[in-house]
Amino acid sequence: KLSRAVRYSKSDLLVWLKTCAKTSTAEQYQDDRRRPAA
C-alpha cells in the first residue's frame, strides 16, 4: 500500500500461486477460512 495505491510484486504473485497448488479435490477446503466457522 503506497499512500492510496495498491501494488503487487510479481514474485509475491508467484509465491501465492505456489501456495494455492492442490493435488487432490479432497484438499478443496483445507485453506478455506469460512468452513471452520460454519
ModelCIF file with pLDDT and N, C-alpha, C, O atoms, coordinates in Angstrom:
data_MODEL
#
_entry.id   MODEL 
#
_entity.id                         1 
_entity.type                       polymer 
_entity.pdbx_number_of_molecules   1 
#
_entity_poly.entity_id                      1 
_entity_poly.type                           'polypeptide(L)' 
_entity_poly.nstd_linkage                   no 
_entity_poly.nstd_monomer                   no 
_entity_poly.pdbx_seq_one_letter_code       KLSRAVRYSKSDLLVWLKTCAKTSTAEQYQDDRRRPAA 
_entity_poly.pdbx_seq_one_letter_code_can   KLSRAVRYSKSDLLVWLKTCAKTSTAEQYQDDRRRPAA 
_entity_poly.pdbx_strand_id                 A 
#
loop_
_entity_poly_seq.entity_id 
_entity_poly_seq.num 
_entity_poly_seq.mon_id 
_entity_poly_seq.hetero 
1 1  LYS n 
1 2  LEU n 
1 3  SER n 
1 4  ARG n 
1 5  ALA n 
1 6  VAL n 
1 7  ARG n 
1 8  TYR n 
1 9  SER n 
1 10 LYS n 
1 11 SER n 
1 12 ASP n 
1 13 LEU n 
1 14 LEU n 
1 15 VAL n 
1 16 TRP n 
1 17 LEU n 
1 18 LYS n 
1 19 THR n 
1 20 CYS n 
1 21 ALA n 
1 22 LYS n 
1 23 THR n 
1 24 SER n 
1 25 THR n 
1 26 ALA n 
1 27 GLU n 
1 28 GLN n 
1 29 TYR n 
1 30 GLN n 
1 31 ASP n 
1 32 ASP n 
1 33 ARG n 
1 34 ARG n 
1 35 ARG n 
1 36 PRO n 
1 37 ALA n 
1 38 ALA n 
#
_struct_asym.id          A 
_struct_asym.entity_id   1 
#
loop_
_ma_qa_metric.id 
_ma_qa_metric.mode 
_ma_qa_metric.name 
_ma_qa_metric.software_group_id 
_ma_qa_metric.type 
1 global pLDDT . pLDDT 
2 local  pLDDT . pLDDT 
#
_ma_qa_metric_global.metric_id      1 
_ma_qa_metric_global.metric_value   82.03 
_ma_qa_metric_global.model_id       1 
_ma_qa_metric_global.ordinal_id     1 
#
loop_
_ma_qa_metric_local.label_asym_id 
_ma_qa_metric_local.label_comp_id 
_ma_qa_metric_local.label_seq_id 
_ma_qa_metric_local.metric_id 
_ma_qa_metric_local.metric_value 
_ma_qa_metric_local.model_id 
_ma_qa_metric_local.ordinal_id 
A LYS 1  2 95.00 1 1  
A LEU 2  2 94.00 1 2  
A SER 3  2 93.00 1 3  
A ARG 4  2 94.00 1 4  
A ALA 5  2 96.00 1 5  
A VAL 6  2 97.00 1 6  
A ARG 7  2 97.00 1 7  
A TYR 8  2 97.00 1 8  
A SER 9  2 97.00 1 9  
A LYS 10 2 96.00 1 10 
A SER 11 2 95.00 1 11 
A ASP 12 2 96.00 1 12 
A LEU 13 2 97.00 1 13 
A LEU 14 2 95.00 1 14 
A VAL 15 2 95.00 1 15 
A TRP 16 2 96.00 1 16 
A LEU 17 2 94.00 1 17 
A LYS 18 2 94.00 1 18 
A THR 19 2 92.00 1 19 
A CYS 20 2 90.00 1 20 
A ALA 21 2 89.00 1 21 
A LYS 22 2 88.00 1 22 
A THR 23 2 88.00 1 23 
A SER 24 2 87.00 1 24 
A THR 25 2 85.00 1 25 
A ALA 26 2 81.00 1 26 
A GLU 27 2 72.00 1 27 
A GLN 28 2 68.00 1 28 
A TYR 29 2 64.00 1 29 
A GLN 30 2 59.00 1 30 
A ASP 31 2 57.00 1 31 
A ASP 32 2 57.00 1 32 
A ARG 33 2 54.00 1 33 
A ARG 34 2 55.00 1 34 
A ARG 35 2 54.00 1 35 
A PRO 36 2 54.00 1 36 
A ALA 37 2 53.00 1 37 
A ALA 38 2 52.00 1 38 
#
loop_
_atom_site.group_PDB 
_atom_site.id 
_atom_site.type_symbol 
_atom_site.label_atom_id 
_atom_site.label_alt_id 
_atom_site.label_comp_id 
_atom_site.label_asym_id 
_atom_site.label_entity_id 
_atom_site.label_seq_id 
_atom_site.pdbx_PDB_ins_code 
_atom_site.Cartn_x 
_atom_site.Cartn_y 
_atom_site.Cartn_z 
_atom_site.occupancy 
_atom_site.B_iso_or_equiv 
_atom_site.pdbx_formal_charge 
_atom_site.auth_seq_id 
_atom_site.auth_comp_id 
_atom_site.auth_asym_id 
_atom_site.auth_atom_id 
_atom_site.pdbx_PDB_model_num 
ATOM 1   N N  . LYS A 1 1  ? 0.863   -1.170  0.000  1.00 95.00 ? 1  LYS A N  1 
ATOM 2   C CA . LYS A 1 1  ? 0.000   0.000   0.000  1.00 95.00 ? 1  LYS A CA 1 
ATOM 3   C C  . LYS A 1 1  ? 0.902   1.223   0.000  1.00 95.00 ? 1  LYS A C  1 
ATOM 4   O O  . LYS A 1 1  ? 1.558   1.508   1.002  1.00 95.00 ? 1  LYS A O  1 
ATOM 5   N N  . LEU A 1 2  ? 0.942   1.940   -1.098 1.00 94.00 ? 2  LEU A N  1 
ATOM 6   C CA . LEU A 1 2  ? 1.762   3.131   -1.254 1.00 94.00 ? 2  LEU A CA 1 
ATOM 7   C C  . LEU A 1 2  ? 0.818   4.324   -1.291 1.00 94.00 ? 2  LEU A C  1 
ATOM 8   O O  . LEU A 1 2  ? 0.250   4.656   -2.332 1.00 94.00 ? 2  LEU A O  1 
ATOM 9   N N  . SER A 1 3  ? 0.663   4.957   -0.140 1.00 93.00 ? 3  SER A N  1 
ATOM 10  C CA . SER A 1 3  ? -0.326  6.009   0.025  1.00 93.00 ? 3  SER A CA 1 
ATOM 11  C C  . SER A 1 3  ? -1.689  5.379   -0.247 1.00 93.00 ? 3  SER A C  1 
ATOM 12  O O  . SER A 1 3  ? -2.125  4.520   0.520  1.00 93.00 ? 3  SER A O  1 
ATOM 13  N N  . ARG A 1 4  ? -2.370  5.780   -1.314 1.00 94.00 ? 4  ARG A N  1 
ATOM 14  C CA . ARG A 1 4  ? -3.670  5.189   -1.620 1.00 94.00 ? 4  ARG A CA 1 
ATOM 15  C C  . ARG A 1 4  ? -3.585  4.129   -2.711 1.00 94.00 ? 4  ARG A C  1 
ATOM 16  O O  . ARG A 1 4  ? -4.588  3.504   -3.056 1.00 94.00 ? 4  ARG A O  1 
ATOM 17  N N  . ALA A 1 5  ? -2.399  3.930   -3.249 1.00 96.00 ? 5  ALA A N  1 
ATOM 18  C CA . ALA A 1 5  ? -2.212  2.995   -4.359 1.00 96.00 ? 5  ALA A CA 1 
ATOM 19  C C  . ALA A 1 5  ? -1.852  1.606   -3.861 1.00 96.00 ? 5  ALA A C  1 
ATOM 20  O O  . ALA A 1 5  ? -1.035  1.453   -2.952 1.00 96.00 ? 5  ALA A O  1 
ATOM 21  N N  . VAL A 1 6  ? -2.463  0.602   -4.460 1.00 97.00 ? 6  VAL A N  1 
ATOM 22  C CA . VAL A 1 6  ? -2.164  -0.799  -4.154 1.00 97.00 ? 6  VAL A CA 1 
ATOM 23  C C  . VAL A 1 6  ? -1.279  -1.335  -5.268 1.00 97.00 ? 6  VAL A C  1 
ATOM 24  O O  . VAL A 1 6  ? -1.560  -1.125  -6.448 1.00 97.00 ? 6  VAL A O  1 
ATOM 25  N N  . ARG A 1 7  ? -0.212  -2.026  -4.893 1.00 97.00 ? 7  ARG A N  1 
ATOM 26  C CA . ARG A 1 7  ? 0.706   -2.599  -5.868 1.00 97.00 ? 7  ARG A CA 1 
ATOM 27  C C  . ARG A 1 7  ? 1.084   -4.017  -5.451 1.00 97.00 ? 7  ARG A C  1 
ATOM 28  O O  . ARG A 1 7  ? 1.176   -4.327  -4.263 1.00 97.00 ? 7  ARG A O  1 
ATOM 29  N N  . TYR A 1 8  ? 1.299   -4.870  -6.450 1.00 97.00 ? 8  TYR A N  1 
ATOM 30  C CA . TYR A 1 8  ? 1.711   -6.254  -6.242 1.00 97.00 ? 8  TYR A CA 1 
ATOM 31  C C  . TYR A 1 8  ? 3.063   -6.466  -6.904 1.00 97.00 ? 8  TYR A C  1 
ATOM 32  O O  . TYR A 1 8  ? 3.310   -5.949  -7.993 1.00 97.00 ? 8  TYR A O  1 
ATOM 33  N N  . SER A 1 9  ? 3.937   -7.221  -6.256 1.00 97.00 ? 9  SER A N  1 
ATOM 34  C CA . SER A 1 9  ? 5.185   -7.601  -6.921 1.00 97.00 ? 9  SER A CA 1 
ATOM 35  C C  . SER A 1 9  ? 4.960   -8.953  -7.593 1.00 97.00 ? 9  SER A C  1 
ATOM 36  O O  . SER A 1 9  ? 4.214   -9.795  -7.091 1.00 97.00 ? 9  SER A O  1 
ATOM 37  N N  . LYS A 1 10 ? 5.615   -9.145  -8.729 1.00 96.00 ? 10 LYS A N  1 
ATOM 38  C CA . LYS A 1 10 ? 5.459   -10.402 -9.465 1.00 96.00 ? 10 LYS A CA 1 
ATOM 39  C C  . LYS A 1 10 ? 5.918   -11.592 -8.629 1.00 96.00 ? 10 LYS A C  1 
ATOM 40  O O  . LYS A 1 10 ? 5.315   -12.664 -8.683 1.00 96.00 ? 10 LYS A O  1 
ATOM 41  N N  . SER A 1 11 ? 6.986   -11.403 -7.856 1.00 95.00 ? 11 SER A N  1 
ATOM 42  C CA . SER A 1 11 ? 7.480   -12.528 -7.056 1.00 95.00 ? 11 SER A CA 1 
ATOM 43  C C  . SER A 1 11 ? 6.458   -12.929 -5.989 1.00 95.00 ? 11 SER A C  1 
ATOM 44  O O  . SER A 1 11 ? 6.306   -14.118 -5.708 1.00 95.00 ? 11 SER A O  1 
ATOM 45  N N  . ASP A 1 12 ? 5.755   -11.964 -5.391 1.00 96.00 ? 12 ASP A N  1 
ATOM 46  C CA . ASP A 1 12 ? 4.718   -12.292 -4.410 1.00 96.00 ? 12 ASP A CA 1 
ATOM 47  C C  . ASP A 1 12 ? 3.542   -13.012 -5.074 1.00 96.00 ? 12 ASP A C  1 
ATOM 48  O O  . ASP A 1 12 ? 2.948   -13.912 -4.479 1.00 96.00 ? 12 ASP A O  1 
ATOM 49  N N  . LEU A 1 13 ? 3.209   -12.621 -6.292 1.00 97.00 ? 13 LEU A N  1 
ATOM 50  C CA . LEU A 1 13 ? 2.132   -13.297 -7.011 1.00 97.00 ? 13 LEU A CA 1 
ATOM 51  C C  . LEU A 1 13 ? 2.499   -14.747 -7.299 1.00 97.00 ? 13 LEU A C  1 
ATOM 52  O O  . LEU A 1 13 ? 1.665   -15.643 -7.170 1.00 97.00 ? 13 LEU A O  1 
ATOM 53  N N  . LEU A 1 14 ? 3.752   -14.974 -7.691 1.00 95.00 ? 14 LEU A N  1 
ATOM 54  C CA . LEU A 1 14 ? 4.200   -16.340 -7.972 1.00 95.00 ? 14 LEU A CA 1 
ATOM 55  C C  . LEU A 1 14 ? 4.233   -17.194 -6.708 1.00 95.00 ? 14 LEU A C  1 
ATOM 56  O O  . LEU A 1 14 ? 3.864   -18.368 -6.742 1.00 95.00 ? 14 LEU A O  1 
ATOM 57  N N  . VAL A 1 15 ? 4.674   -16.611 -5.592 1.00 95.00 ? 15 VAL A N  1 
ATOM 58  C CA . VAL A 1 15 ? 4.679   -17.343 -4.316 1.00 95.00 ? 15 VAL A CA 1 
ATOM 59  C C  . VAL A 1 15 ? 3.250   -17.714 -3.936 1.00 95.00 ? 15 VAL A C  1 
ATOM 60  O O  . VAL A 1 15 ? 2.999   -18.841 -3.507 1.00 95.00 ? 15 VAL A O  1 
ATOM 61  N N  . TRP A 1 16 ? 2.324   -16.793 -4.085 1.00 96.00 ? 16 TRP A N  1 
ATOM 62  C CA . TRP A 1 16 ? 0.924   -17.054 -3.737 1.00 96.00 ? 16 TRP A CA 1 
ATOM 63  C C  . TRP A 1 16 ? 0.355   -18.163 -4.620 1.00 96.00 ? 16 TRP A C  1 
ATOM 64  O O  . TRP A 1 16 ? -0.380  -19.026 -4.141 1.00 96.00 ? 16 TRP A O  1 
ATOM 65  N N  . LEU A 1 17 ? 0.696   -18.139 -5.913 1.00 94.00 ? 17 LEU A N  1 
ATOM 66  C CA . LEU A 1 17 ? 0.234   -19.202 -6.810 1.00 94.00 ? 17 LEU A CA 1 
ATOM 67  C C  . LEU A 1 17 ? 0.735   -20.563 -6.352 1.00 94.00 ? 17 LEU A C  1 
ATOM 68  O O  . LEU A 1 17 ? -0.006  -21.545 -6.387 1.00 94.00 ? 17 LEU A O  1 
ATOM 69  N N  . LYS A 1 18 ? 1.985   -20.622 -5.925 1.00 94.00 ? 18 LYS A N  1 
ATOM 70  C CA . LYS A 1 18 ? 2.543   -21.898 -5.457 1.00 94.00 ? 18 LYS A CA 1 
ATOM 71  C C  . LYS A 1 18 ? 1.829   -22.397 -4.211 1.00 94.00 ? 18 LYS A C  1 
ATOM 72  O O  . LYS A 1 18 ? 1.628   -23.602 -4.059 1.00 94.00 ? 18 LYS A O  1 
ATOM 73  N N  . THR A 1 19 ? 1.444   -21.495 -3.317 1.00 92.00 ? 19 THR A N  1 
ATOM 74  C CA . THR A 1 19 ? 0.751   -21.921 -2.093 1.00 92.00 ? 19 THR A CA 1 
ATOM 75  C C  . THR A 1 19 ? -0.670  -22.377 -2.373 1.00 92.00 ? 19 THR A C  1 
ATOM 76  O O  . THR A 1 19 ? -1.268  -23.067 -1.548 1.00 92.00 ? 19 THR A O  1 
ATOM 77  N N  . CYS A 1 20 ? -1.222  -22.005 -3.523 1.00 90.00 ? 20 CYS A N  1 
ATOM 78  C CA . CYS A 1 20 ? -2.586  -22.410 -3.880 1.00 90.00 ? 20 CYS A CA 1 
ATOM 79  C C  . CYS A 1 20 ? -2.625  -23.760 -4.585 1.00 90.00 ? 20 CYS A C  1 
ATOM 80  O O  . CYS A 1 20 ? -3.708  -24.262 -4.887 1.00 90.00 ? 20 CYS A O  1 
ATOM 81  N N  . ALA A 1 21 ? -1.489  -24.346 -4.849 1.00 89.00 ? 21 ALA A N  1 
ATOM 82  C CA . ALA A 1 21 ? -1.436  -25.600 -5.596 1.00 89.00 ? 21 ALA A CA 1 
ATOM 83  C C  . ALA A 1 21 ? -2.073  -26.742 -4.798 1.00 89.00 ? 21 ALA A C  1 
ATOM 84  O O  . ALA A 1 21 ? -1.850  -26.867 -3.594 1.00 89.00 ? 21 ALA A O  1 
ATOM 85  N N  . LYS A 1 22 ? -2.849  -27.553 -5.467 1.00 88.00 ? 22 LYS A N  1 
ATOM 86  C CA . LYS A 1 22 ? -3.514  -28.712 -4.865 1.00 88.00 ? 22 LYS A CA 1 
ATOM 87  C C  . LYS A 1 22 ? -3.194  -29.942 -5.697 1.00 88.00 ? 22 LYS A C  1 
ATOM 88  O O  . LYS A 1 22 ? -2.927  -29.841 -6.895 1.00 88.00 ? 22 LYS A O  1 
ATOM 89  N N  . THR A 1 23 ? -3.221  -31.092 -5.064 1.00 88.00 ? 23 THR A N  1 
ATOM 90  C CA . THR A 1 23 ? -3.009  -32.338 -5.790 1.00 88.00 ? 23 THR A CA 1 
ATOM 91  C C  . THR A 1 23 ? -4.253  -33.203 -5.817 1.00 88.00 ? 23 THR A C  1 
ATOM 92  O O  . THR A 1 23 ? -4.290  -34.215 -6.518 1.00 88.00 ? 23 THR A O  1 
ATOM 93  N N  . SER A 1 24 ? -5.281  -32.815 -5.056 1.00 87.00 ? 24 SER A N  1 
ATOM 94  C CA . SER A 1 24 ? -6.489  -33.620 -4.976 1.00 87.00 ? 24 SER A CA 1 
ATOM 95  C C  . SER A 1 24 ? -7.683  -32.720 -4.679 1.00 87.00 ? 24 SER A C  1 
ATOM 96  O O  . SER A 1 24 ? -7.548  -31.670 -4.051 1.00 87.00 ? 24 SER A O  1 
ATOM 97  N N  . THR A 1 25 ? -8.851  -33.151 -5.143 1.00 85.00 ? 25 THR A N  1 
ATOM 98  C CA . THR A 1 25 ? -10.059 -32.389 -4.817 1.00 85.00 ? 25 THR A CA 1 
ATOM 99  C C  . THR A 1 25 ? -10.410 -32.507 -3.337 1.00 85.00 ? 25 THR A C  1 
ATOM 100 O O  . THR A 1 25 ? -11.194 -31.708 -2.823 1.00 85.00 ? 25 THR A O  1 
ATOM 101 N N  . ALA A 1 26 ? -9.845  -33.484 -2.653 1.00 81.00 ? 26 ALA A N  1 
ATOM 102 C CA . ALA A 1 26 ? -10.072 -33.624 -1.215 1.00 81.00 ? 26 ALA A CA 1 
ATOM 103 C C  . ALA A 1 26 ? -9.443  -32.475 -0.441 1.00 81.00 ? 26 ALA A C  1 
ATOM 104 O O  . ALA A 1 26 ? -9.817  -32.229 0.705  1.00 81.00 ? 26 ALA A O  1 
ATOM 105 N N  . GLU A 1 27 ? -8.496  -31.770 -1.047 1.00 72.00 ? 27 GLU A N  1 
ATOM 106 C CA . GLU A 1 27 ? -7.851  -30.632 -0.407 1.00 72.00 ? 27 GLU A CA 1 
ATOM 107 C C  . GLU A 1 27 ? -8.646  -29.344 -0.593 1.00 72.00 ? 27 GLU A C  1 
ATOM 108 O O  . GLU A 1 27 ? -8.176  -28.272 -0.213 1.00 72.00 ? 27 GLU A O  1 
ATOM 109 N N  . GLN A 1 28 ? -9.820  -29.431 -1.162 1.00 68.00 ? 28 GLN A N  1 
ATOM 110 C CA . GLN A 1 28 ? -10.616 -28.267 -1.519 1.00 68.00 ? 28 GLN A CA 1 
ATOM 111 C C  . GLN A 1 28 ? -10.817 -27.303 -0.358 1.00 68.00 ? 28 GLN A C  1 
ATOM 112 O O  . GLN A 1 28 ? -10.655 -26.096 -0.534 1.00 68.00 ? 28 GLN A O  1 
ATOM 113 N N  . TYR A 1 29 ? -11.161 -27.800 0.810  1.00 64.00 ? 29 TYR A N  1 
ATOM 114 C CA . TYR A 1 29 ? -11.493 -26.936 1.933  1.00 64.00 ? 29 TYR A CA 1 
ATOM 115 C C  . TYR A 1 29 ? -10.346 -26.760 2.920  1.00 64.00 ? 29 TYR A C  1 
ATOM 116 O O  . TYR A 1 29 ? -10.530 -26.161 3.979  1.00 64.00 ? 29 TYR A O  1 
ATOM 117 N N  . GLN A 1 30 ? -9.189  -27.264 2.594  1.00 59.00 ? 30 GLN A N  1 
ATOM 118 C CA . GLN A 1 30 ? -8.057  -27.198 3.510  1.00 59.00 ? 30 GLN A CA 1 
ATOM 119 C C  . GLN A 1 30 ? -7.706  -25.764 3.876  1.00 59.00 ? 30 GLN A C  1 
ATOM 120 O O  . GLN A 1 30 ? -7.444  -25.472 5.042  1.00 59.00 ? 30 GLN A O  1 
ATOM 121 N N  . ASP A 1 31 ? -7.697  -24.869 2.901  1.00 57.00 ? 31 ASP A N  1 
ATOM 122 C CA . ASP A 1 31 ? -7.323  -23.483 3.153  1.00 57.00 ? 31 ASP A CA 1 
ATOM 123 C C  . ASP A 1 31 ? -8.516  -22.549 3.259  1.00 57.00 ? 31 ASP A C  1 
ATOM 124 O O  . ASP A 1 31 ? -8.327  -21.346 3.438  1.00 57.00 ? 31 ASP A O  1 
ATOM 125 N N  . ASP A 1 32 ? -9.729  -23.053 3.156  1.00 57.00 ? 32 ASP A N  1 
ATOM 126 C CA . ASP A 1 32 ? -10.917 -22.208 3.182  1.00 57.00 ? 32 ASP A CA 1 
ATOM 127 C C  . ASP A 1 32 ? -11.176 -21.724 4.602  1.00 57.00 ? 32 ASP A C  1 
ATOM 128 O O  . ASP A 1 32 ? -11.432 -22.526 5.500  1.00 57.00 ? 32 ASP A O  1 
ATOM 129 N N  . ARG A 1 33 ? -11.110 -20.427 4.801  1.00 54.00 ? 33 ARG A N  1 
ATOM 130 C CA . ARG A 1 33 ? -11.263 -19.854 6.143  1.00 54.00 ? 33 ARG A CA 1 
ATOM 131 C C  . ARG A 1 33 ? -12.717 -19.841 6.599  1.00 54.00 ? 33 ARG A C  1 
ATOM 132 O O  . ARG A 1 33 ? -12.989 -19.745 7.796  1.00 54.00 ? 33 ARG A O  1 
ATOM 133 N N  . ARG A 1 34 ? -13.645 -19.935 5.665  1.00 55.00 ? 34 ARG A N  1 
ATOM 134 C CA . ARG A 1 34 ? -15.057 -19.856 6.035  1.00 55.00 ? 34 ARG A CA 1 
ATOM 135 C C  . ARG A 1 34 ? -15.582 -21.177 6.580  1.00 55.00 ? 34 ARG A C  1 
ATOM 136 O O  . ARG A 1 34 ? -16.507 -21.181 7.392  1.00 55.00 ? 34 ARG A O  1 
ATOM 137 N N  . ARG A 1 35 ? -15.019 -22.279 6.157  1.00 54.00 ? 35 ARG A N  1 
ATOM 138 C CA . ARG A 1 35 ? -15.550 -23.584 6.557  1.00 54.00 ? 35 ARG A CA 1 
ATOM 139 C C  . ARG A 1 35 ? -15.461 -23.843 8.067  1.00 54.00 ? 35 ARG A C  1 
ATOM 140 O O  . ARG A 1 35 ? -16.456 -24.280 8.645  1.00 54.00 ? 35 ARG A O  1 
ATOM 141 N N  . PRO A 1 36 ? -14.331 -23.598 8.736  1.00 54.00 ? 36 PRO A N  1 
ATOM 142 C CA . PRO A 1 36 ? -14.295 -23.863 10.174 1.00 54.00 ? 36 PRO A CA 1 
ATOM 143 C C  . PRO A 1 36 ? -15.328 -23.043 10.953 1.00 54.00 ? 36 PRO A C  1 
ATOM 144 O O  . PRO A 1 36 ? -15.884 -23.520 11.942 1.00 54.00 ? 36 PRO A O  1 
ATOM 145 N N  . ALA A 1 37 ? -15.578 -21.824 10.509 1.00 53.00 ? 37 ALA A N  1 
ATOM 146 C CA . ALA A 1 37 ? -16.575 -21.000 11.189 1.00 53.00 ? 37 ALA A CA 1 
ATOM 147 C C  . ALA A 1 37 ? -17.958 -21.631 11.048 1.00 53.00 ? 37 ALA A C  1 
ATOM 148 O O  . ALA A 1 37 ? -18.731 -21.648 12.006 1.00 53.00 ? 37 ALA A O  1 
ATOM 149 N N  . ALA A 1 38 ? -18.274 -22.148 9.866  1.00 52.00 ? 38 ALA A N  1 
ATOM 150 C CA . ALA A 1 38 ? -19.561 -22.796 9.662  1.00 52.00 ? 38 ALA A CA 1 
ATOM 151 C C  . ALA A 1 38 ? -19.660 -24.045 10.518 1.00 52.00 ? 38 ALA A C  1 
ATOM 152 O O  . ALA A 1 38 ? -20.678 -24.737 10.485 1.00 52.00 ? 38 ALA A O  1 
#
